[in-house]
Amino acid sequence: MTEQITELTQRLVVSRKRDGRCCYDPQAKRELIEAGLQPGVSVAKLALAHGINANLLRTWMTKHERQLLAGDSPQRSAARSPFIPVVPVSAHRSPITPPELTARLPNGVRLEWSALPAEQLAHVLHQLSTLPCSDSTPG
């Protein structure tokens, strides 16, 4: 892991402008953004390890996510859709067996509901539907 950080850090800054600001390699920048978007990664720790300001990395990540949502990258925007596909676990279940539901969120979290009575599952889905979606909030 340390070799990867060192190698990426060496490739990240390609030159400096007259005012001292850095010019970054687009590929290395993209790799750093993708690493920062992984679940459980500390953006501040990642930025510190690569010698850049955490606010700068967060700005890059926010800009990247907005571009994905705007449709600049069709193959990635479909993967980061705010909608969660609901797929039945098994199409042939007996009516006595409680329903099961599995969902994978865009941030990688996997939710599983099984062995819940239909009324409780309906209540959980209703409560989830009332929560605000961060993708629908302006700003």
N, C-alpha and C. Protein backbone atom coordinates (compact mmCIF):
# COMPACT_ATOMS: atom_id res chain seq x y z
N MET A 1 0.82 -1.19 0.00
CA MET A 1 0.00 0.00 0.00
C MET A 1 0.87 1.26 0.00
N THR A 2 1.97 1.24 0.76
CA THR A 2 2.84 2.40 0.84
C THR A 2 3.49 2.69 -0.51
N GLU A 3 3.83 1.62 -1.26
CA GLU A 3 4.42 1.83 -2.59
C GLU A 3 3.42 2.50 -3.53
N GLN A 4 2.14 2.11 -3.42
CA GLN A 4 1.11 2.71 -4.26
C GLN A 4 0.95 4.19 -3.93
N ILE A 5 0.97 4.53 -2.63
CA ILE A 5 0.84 5.93 -2.23
C ILE A 5 2.03 6.73 -2.74
N THR A 6 3.24 6.20 -2.58
CA THR A 6 4.43 6.90 -3.03
C THR A 6 4.41 7.09 -4.54
N GLU A 7 4.05 6.06 -5.28
CA GLU A 7 4.02 6.13 -6.74
C GLU A 7 2.98 7.14 -7.21
N LEU A 8 1.80 7.13 -6.61
CA LEU A 8 0.75 8.07 -6.98
C LEU A 8 1.14 9.49 -6.60
N THR A 9 1.77 9.67 -5.46
CA THR A 9 2.21 10.99 -5.02
C THR A 9 3.24 11.56 -5.99
N GLN A 10 4.14 10.72 -6.48
CA GLN A 10 5.16 11.18 -7.43
C GLN A 10 4.55 11.59 -8.76
N ARG A 11 3.49 10.90 -9.18
CA ARG A 11 2.85 11.21 -10.46
C ARG A 11 1.86 12.36 -10.37
N LEU A 12 1.41 12.71 -9.16
CA LEU A 12 0.32 13.66 -9.00
C LEU A 12 0.68 15.06 -9.48
N VAL A 13 1.76 15.63 -8.99
CA VAL A 13 2.15 17.00 -9.38
C VAL A 13 3.09 16.91 -10.56
N VAL A 14 2.67 17.49 -11.70
CA VAL A 14 3.50 17.43 -12.91
C VAL A 14 4.30 18.71 -13.13
N SER A 15 3.79 19.84 -12.64
CA SER A 15 4.52 21.11 -12.77
C SER A 15 3.90 22.13 -11.83
N ARG A 16 4.50 23.31 -11.83
CA ARG A 16 3.98 24.40 -11.01
C ARG A 16 3.81 25.63 -11.89
N LYS A 17 2.76 26.39 -11.57
CA LYS A 17 2.51 27.64 -12.28
C LYS A 17 3.42 28.72 -11.71
N ARG A 18 3.44 29.88 -12.37
CA ARG A 18 4.30 30.97 -11.93
C ARG A 18 3.97 31.43 -10.51
N ASP A 19 2.68 31.33 -10.14
CA ASP A 19 2.27 31.79 -8.81
C ASP A 19 2.47 30.71 -7.74
N GLY A 20 3.05 29.57 -8.11
CA GLY A 20 3.35 28.52 -7.15
C GLY A 20 2.32 27.41 -7.06
N ARG A 21 1.16 27.61 -7.70
CA ARG A 21 0.14 26.56 -7.65
C ARG A 21 0.57 25.36 -8.49
N CYS A 22 0.10 24.19 -8.07
CA CYS A 22 0.50 22.95 -8.74
C CYS A 22 -0.41 22.64 -9.92
N CYS A 23 0.17 21.98 -10.92
CA CYS A 23 -0.58 21.40 -12.02
C CYS A 23 -0.56 19.89 -11.81
N TYR A 24 -1.74 19.27 -11.87
CA TYR A 24 -1.86 17.86 -11.51
C TYR A 24 -2.09 16.99 -12.74
N ASP A 25 -1.54 15.80 -12.71
CA ASP A 25 -1.73 14.80 -13.75
C ASP A 25 -3.18 14.32 -13.68
N PRO A 26 -3.93 14.41 -14.79
CA PRO A 26 -5.35 14.03 -14.75
C PRO A 26 -5.59 12.57 -14.34
N GLN A 27 -4.75 11.65 -14.80
CA GLN A 27 -4.93 10.24 -14.45
C GLN A 27 -4.68 10.00 -12.97
N ALA A 28 -3.61 10.57 -12.43
CA ALA A 28 -3.31 10.41 -11.00
C ALA A 28 -4.38 11.07 -10.15
N LYS A 29 -4.87 12.21 -10.60
CA LYS A 29 -5.94 12.92 -9.90
C LYS A 29 -7.20 12.06 -9.86
N ARG A 30 -7.54 11.43 -10.99
CA ARG A 30 -8.71 10.56 -11.07
C ARG A 30 -8.57 9.35 -10.14
N GLU A 31 -7.37 8.78 -10.08
CA GLU A 31 -7.14 7.65 -9.18
C GLU A 31 -7.32 8.06 -7.72
N LEU A 32 -6.84 9.24 -7.39
CA LEU A 32 -6.98 9.74 -6.03
C LEU A 32 -8.44 10.01 -5.69
N ILE A 33 -9.18 10.57 -6.62
CA ILE A 33 -10.61 10.81 -6.42
C ILE A 33 -11.34 9.50 -6.20
N GLU A 34 -11.06 8.51 -7.05
CA GLU A 34 -11.72 7.20 -6.92
C GLU A 34 -11.39 6.56 -5.57
N ALA A 35 -10.15 6.71 -5.11
CA ALA A 35 -9.77 6.16 -3.81
C ALA A 35 -10.53 6.86 -2.70
N GLY A 36 -10.74 8.16 -2.84
CA GLY A 36 -11.47 8.92 -1.83
C GLY A 36 -12.95 8.60 -1.79
N LEU A 37 -13.49 8.10 -2.89
CA LEU A 37 -14.92 7.79 -2.95
C LEU A 37 -15.25 6.40 -2.39
N GLN A 38 -14.24 5.63 -2.05
CA GLN A 38 -14.48 4.30 -1.50
C GLN A 38 -15.09 4.42 -0.11
N PRO A 39 -16.03 3.53 0.24
CA PRO A 39 -16.65 3.58 1.56
C PRO A 39 -15.61 3.39 2.67
N GLY A 40 -15.73 4.21 3.70
CA GLY A 40 -14.87 4.09 4.87
C GLY A 40 -13.51 4.76 4.77
N VAL A 41 -13.23 5.43 3.66
CA VAL A 41 -11.93 6.08 3.48
C VAL A 41 -11.98 7.48 4.10
N SER A 42 -10.97 7.83 4.86
CA SER A 42 -10.84 9.17 5.42
C SER A 42 -10.21 10.08 4.37
N VAL A 43 -10.97 11.08 3.93
CA VAL A 43 -10.47 11.99 2.90
C VAL A 43 -9.27 12.77 3.43
N ALA A 44 -9.34 13.20 4.69
CA ALA A 44 -8.23 13.96 5.27
C ALA A 44 -6.96 13.12 5.33
N LYS A 45 -7.09 11.88 5.72
CA LYS A 45 -5.93 10.99 5.82
C LYS A 45 -5.35 10.70 4.43
N LEU A 46 -6.23 10.50 3.46
CA LEU A 46 -5.80 10.23 2.09
C LEU A 46 -5.06 11.44 1.52
N ALA A 47 -5.61 12.63 1.73
CA ALA A 47 -4.98 13.86 1.24
C ALA A 47 -3.62 14.06 1.89
N LEU A 48 -3.56 13.86 3.19
CA LEU A 48 -2.30 14.03 3.91
C LEU A 48 -1.24 13.06 3.40
N ALA A 49 -1.64 11.83 3.13
CA ALA A 49 -0.70 10.83 2.64
C ALA A 49 -0.14 11.19 1.26
N HIS A 50 -0.91 11.97 0.49
CA HIS A 50 -0.47 12.34 -0.86
C HIS A 50 0.02 13.77 -0.96
N GLY A 51 0.12 14.45 0.17
CA GLY A 51 0.72 15.78 0.19
C GLY A 51 -0.14 16.88 -0.39
N ILE A 52 -1.46 16.73 -0.33
CA ILE A 52 -2.34 17.79 -0.81
C ILE A 52 -3.31 18.19 0.30
N ASN A 53 -3.95 19.32 0.12
CA ASN A 53 -4.90 19.82 1.09
C ASN A 53 -6.18 18.99 1.03
N ALA A 54 -6.74 18.65 2.19
CA ALA A 54 -7.96 17.84 2.24
C ALA A 54 -9.14 18.56 1.59
N ASN A 55 -9.20 19.88 1.74
CA ASN A 55 -10.28 20.64 1.12
C ASN A 55 -10.20 20.58 -0.40
N LEU A 56 -8.99 20.57 -0.93
CA LEU A 56 -8.82 20.46 -2.38
C LEU A 56 -9.31 19.10 -2.87
N LEU A 57 -8.92 18.03 -2.17
CA LEU A 57 -9.37 16.70 -2.56
C LEU A 57 -10.89 16.60 -2.46
N ARG A 58 -11.48 17.14 -1.40
CA ARG A 58 -12.93 17.11 -1.24
C ARG A 58 -13.60 17.89 -2.39
N THR A 59 -13.03 19.01 -2.80
CA THR A 59 -13.57 19.78 -3.92
C THR A 59 -13.52 18.96 -5.20
N TRP A 60 -12.41 18.28 -5.45
CA TRP A 60 -12.30 17.43 -6.64
C TRP A 60 -13.36 16.34 -6.61
N MET A 61 -13.54 15.72 -5.45
CA MET A 61 -14.50 14.63 -5.33
C MET A 61 -15.93 15.12 -5.57
N THR A 62 -16.27 16.28 -5.01
CA THR A 62 -17.61 16.85 -5.19
C THR A 62 -17.85 17.18 -6.66
N LYS A 63 -16.86 17.78 -7.30
CA LYS A 63 -16.97 18.13 -8.72
C LYS A 63 -17.14 16.86 -9.56
N HIS A 64 -16.37 15.83 -9.23
CA HIS A 64 -16.45 14.55 -9.95
C HIS A 64 -17.85 13.94 -9.81
N GLU A 65 -18.39 13.93 -8.58
CA GLU A 65 -19.72 13.36 -8.36
C GLU A 65 -20.80 14.16 -9.10
N ARG A 66 -20.66 15.48 -9.12
CA ARG A 66 -21.64 16.31 -9.86
C ARG A 66 -21.58 16.01 -11.35
N GLN A 67 -20.38 15.81 -11.87
CA GLN A 67 -20.24 15.48 -13.29
C GLN A 67 -20.90 14.14 -13.59
N LEU A 68 -20.74 13.18 -12.69
CA LEU A 68 -21.37 11.88 -12.89
C LEU A 68 -22.88 12.00 -12.88
N LEU A 69 -23.41 12.78 -11.95
CA LEU A 69 -24.85 12.94 -11.86
C LEU A 69 -25.41 13.74 -13.04
N ALA A 70 -24.58 14.63 -13.60
CA ALA A 70 -25.02 15.42 -14.74
C ALA A 70 -25.01 14.60 -16.03
N GLY A 71 -24.39 13.43 -15.98
CA GLY A 71 -24.38 12.55 -17.15
C GLY A 71 -23.16 12.69 -18.01
N ASP A 72 -22.10 13.28 -17.50
CA ASP A 72 -20.87 13.42 -18.30
C ASP A 72 -20.20 12.08 -18.56
N SER A 73 -20.50 11.10 -17.74
CA SER A 73 -19.93 9.76 -17.91
C SER A 73 -21.06 8.75 -17.80
N PRO A 74 -21.68 8.37 -18.93
CA PRO A 74 -22.88 7.54 -18.88
C PRO A 74 -22.71 6.21 -18.19
N GLN A 75 -21.57 5.55 -18.37
CA GLN A 75 -21.41 4.23 -17.75
C GLN A 75 -21.30 4.35 -16.24
N ARG A 76 -20.74 5.44 -15.71
CA ARG A 76 -20.60 5.62 -14.27
C ARG A 76 -21.86 6.20 -13.65
N SER A 77 -22.55 7.10 -14.38
CA SER A 77 -23.74 7.72 -13.80
C SER A 77 -24.83 6.69 -13.57
N ALA A 78 -24.90 5.65 -14.40
CA ALA A 78 -25.88 4.60 -14.17
C ALA A 78 -25.56 3.83 -12.91
N ALA A 79 -24.27 3.65 -12.62
CA ALA A 79 -23.87 2.94 -11.42
C ALA A 79 -24.10 3.76 -10.17
N ARG A 80 -24.14 5.09 -10.27
CA ARG A 80 -24.32 5.97 -9.12
C ARG A 80 -25.72 6.57 -9.09
N SER A 81 -26.68 5.91 -9.66
CA SER A 81 -28.04 6.41 -9.70
C SER A 81 -28.61 6.54 -8.30
N PRO A 82 -29.43 7.59 -8.05
CA PRO A 82 -30.03 7.73 -6.72
C PRO A 82 -31.11 6.70 -6.47
N PHE A 83 -31.53 5.96 -7.49
CA PHE A 83 -32.56 4.95 -7.33
C PHE A 83 -31.93 3.60 -7.05
N ILE A 84 -32.58 2.86 -6.18
CA ILE A 84 -32.07 1.55 -5.78
C ILE A 84 -32.93 0.48 -6.43
N PRO A 85 -32.32 -0.42 -7.22
CA PRO A 85 -33.12 -1.49 -7.80
C PRO A 85 -33.53 -2.49 -6.72
N VAL A 86 -34.78 -2.90 -6.76
CA VAL A 86 -35.28 -3.90 -5.83
C VAL A 86 -35.49 -5.18 -6.62
N VAL A 87 -34.79 -6.22 -6.20
CA VAL A 87 -34.83 -7.49 -6.90
C VAL A 87 -35.30 -8.56 -5.92
N PRO A 88 -36.33 -9.32 -6.28
CA PRO A 88 -36.76 -10.39 -5.37
C PRO A 88 -35.67 -11.45 -5.25
N VAL A 89 -35.55 -12.01 -4.05
CA VAL A 89 -34.53 -13.03 -3.81
C VAL A 89 -34.87 -14.30 -4.57
N SER A 90 -36.11 -14.69 -4.53
CA SER A 90 -36.54 -15.88 -5.24
C SER A 90 -37.96 -15.67 -5.73
N ALA A 91 -38.19 -16.00 -6.99
CA ALA A 91 -39.52 -15.79 -7.57
C ALA A 91 -40.50 -16.88 -7.13
N HIS A 92 -40.03 -18.05 -6.77
CA HIS A 92 -40.89 -19.17 -6.40
C HIS A 92 -40.79 -19.44 -4.91
N ARG A 93 -41.59 -18.72 -4.14
CA ARG A 93 -41.59 -18.90 -2.70
C ARG A 93 -42.99 -19.30 -2.27
N SER A 94 -43.05 -20.06 -1.22
CA SER A 94 -44.36 -20.45 -0.71
C SER A 94 -44.99 -19.26 0.00
N PRO A 95 -46.31 -19.16 0.03
CA PRO A 95 -46.96 -18.02 0.66
C PRO A 95 -46.73 -17.96 2.18
N ILE A 96 -46.29 -19.06 2.79
CA ILE A 96 -46.06 -19.09 4.23
C ILE A 96 -44.73 -18.42 4.58
N THR A 97 -43.74 -18.52 3.69
CA THR A 97 -42.42 -17.95 3.95
C THR A 97 -42.50 -16.42 3.89
N PRO A 98 -41.96 -15.72 4.91
CA PRO A 98 -41.97 -14.25 4.88
C PRO A 98 -41.15 -13.73 3.70
N PRO A 99 -41.51 -12.56 3.17
CA PRO A 99 -40.77 -12.00 2.03
C PRO A 99 -39.36 -11.58 2.44
N GLU A 100 -38.45 -11.63 1.47
CA GLU A 100 -37.08 -11.18 1.68
C GLU A 100 -36.79 -10.06 0.70
N LEU A 101 -35.96 -9.14 1.12
CA LEU A 101 -35.62 -8.00 0.28
C LEU A 101 -34.14 -7.68 0.47
N THR A 102 -33.44 -7.46 -0.63
CA THR A 102 -32.04 -7.09 -0.59
C THR A 102 -31.85 -5.87 -1.49
N ALA A 103 -31.09 -4.89 -1.00
CA ALA A 103 -30.80 -3.69 -1.79
C ALA A 103 -29.36 -3.31 -1.59
N ARG A 104 -28.69 -2.87 -2.67
CA ARG A 104 -27.32 -2.37 -2.58
C ARG A 104 -27.38 -0.88 -2.91
N LEU A 105 -26.97 -0.05 -1.93
CA LEU A 105 -26.98 1.40 -2.09
C LEU A 105 -25.80 1.85 -2.93
N PRO A 106 -25.89 3.04 -3.56
CA PRO A 106 -24.79 3.53 -4.39
C PRO A 106 -23.46 3.66 -3.65
N ASN A 107 -23.50 3.83 -2.32
CA ASN A 107 -22.25 3.97 -1.57
C ASN A 107 -21.66 2.62 -1.17
N GLY A 108 -22.24 1.51 -1.64
CA GLY A 108 -21.70 0.19 -1.38
C GLY A 108 -22.35 -0.55 -0.22
N VAL A 109 -23.23 0.13 0.53
CA VAL A 109 -23.89 -0.51 1.66
C VAL A 109 -24.94 -1.48 1.14
N ARG A 110 -24.99 -2.66 1.74
CA ARG A 110 -25.97 -3.68 1.33
C ARG A 110 -26.96 -3.88 2.46
N LEU A 111 -28.25 -3.75 2.15
CA LEU A 111 -29.31 -3.92 3.13
C LEU A 111 -30.04 -5.22 2.84
N GLU A 112 -30.31 -5.97 3.89
CA GLU A 112 -31.04 -7.22 3.74
C GLU A 112 -32.15 -7.28 4.79
N TRP A 113 -33.35 -7.56 4.33
CA TRP A 113 -34.46 -7.78 5.23
C TRP A 113 -34.99 -9.17 4.94
N SER A 114 -34.97 -10.01 5.94
CA SER A 114 -35.51 -11.35 5.76
C SER A 114 -36.19 -11.76 7.05
N ALA A 115 -37.06 -12.70 6.93
CA ALA A 115 -37.81 -13.24 8.06
C ALA A 115 -38.61 -12.17 8.78
N LEU A 116 -39.01 -11.13 8.06
CA LEU A 116 -39.89 -10.11 8.61
C LEU A 116 -41.31 -10.39 8.11
N PRO A 117 -42.28 -10.25 8.97
CA PRO A 117 -43.65 -10.34 8.48
C PRO A 117 -43.91 -9.22 7.47
N ALA A 118 -44.81 -9.47 6.55
CA ALA A 118 -45.09 -8.52 5.47
C ALA A 118 -45.46 -7.15 6.02
N GLU A 119 -46.19 -7.09 7.14
CA GLU A 119 -46.61 -5.80 7.70
C GLU A 119 -45.39 -5.00 8.17
N GLN A 120 -44.42 -5.67 8.80
CA GLN A 120 -43.22 -4.98 9.27
C GLN A 120 -42.36 -4.52 8.11
N LEU A 121 -42.25 -5.35 7.08
CA LEU A 121 -41.47 -4.98 5.90
C LEU A 121 -42.11 -3.77 5.22
N ALA A 122 -43.44 -3.77 5.14
CA ALA A 122 -44.15 -2.63 4.55
C ALA A 122 -43.89 -1.37 5.37
N HIS A 123 -43.86 -1.50 6.69
CA HIS A 123 -43.60 -0.35 7.55
C HIS A 123 -42.18 0.17 7.33
N VAL A 124 -41.19 -0.71 7.24
CA VAL A 124 -39.81 -0.31 6.99
C VAL A 124 -39.70 0.43 5.66
N LEU A 125 -40.31 -0.12 4.62
CA LEU A 125 -40.26 0.53 3.30
C LEU A 125 -40.95 1.89 3.32
N HIS A 126 -42.05 1.99 4.04
CA HIS A 126 -42.75 3.28 4.15
C HIS A 126 -41.87 4.31 4.85
N GLN A 127 -41.20 3.90 5.95
CA GLN A 127 -40.32 4.82 6.68
C GLN A 127 -39.16 5.26 5.80
N LEU A 128 -38.58 4.34 5.04
CA LEU A 128 -37.49 4.69 4.14
C LEU A 128 -37.94 5.65 3.05
N SER A 129 -39.16 5.49 2.58
CA SER A 129 -39.66 6.36 1.50
C SER A 129 -39.89 7.78 1.98
N THR A 130 -40.02 8.01 3.28
CA THR A 130 -40.25 9.35 3.80
C THR A 130 -38.95 10.10 4.06
N LEU A 131 -37.80 9.41 4.04
CA LEU A 131 -36.53 10.06 4.28
C LEU A 131 -36.12 10.91 3.08
N PRO A 132 -35.50 12.06 3.33
CA PRO A 132 -35.06 12.89 2.19
C PRO A 132 -33.89 12.22 1.49
N CYS A 133 -33.85 12.38 0.17
CA CYS A 133 -32.76 11.84 -0.64
C CYS A 133 -31.75 12.93 -0.86
N SER A 134 -30.48 12.67 -0.57
CA SER A 134 -29.46 13.69 -0.72
C SER A 134 -29.32 14.14 -2.17
N ASP A 135 -29.63 13.27 -3.11
CA ASP A 135 -29.52 13.64 -4.53
C ASP A 135 -30.65 14.57 -4.96
N SER A 136 -31.75 14.59 -4.21
CA SER A 136 -32.86 15.44 -4.58
C SER A 136 -32.81 16.79 -3.88
N THR A 137 -31.87 16.97 -2.95
CA THR A 137 -31.76 18.21 -2.23
C THR A 137 -30.94 19.19 -3.04
N PRO A 138 -31.44 20.41 -3.26
CA PRO A 138 -30.66 21.38 -4.05
C PRO A 138 -29.39 21.77 -3.32
N GLY A 139 -28.39 22.13 -4.11
CA GLY A 139 -27.16 22.63 -3.50
C GLY A 139 -26.03 21.75 -3.77
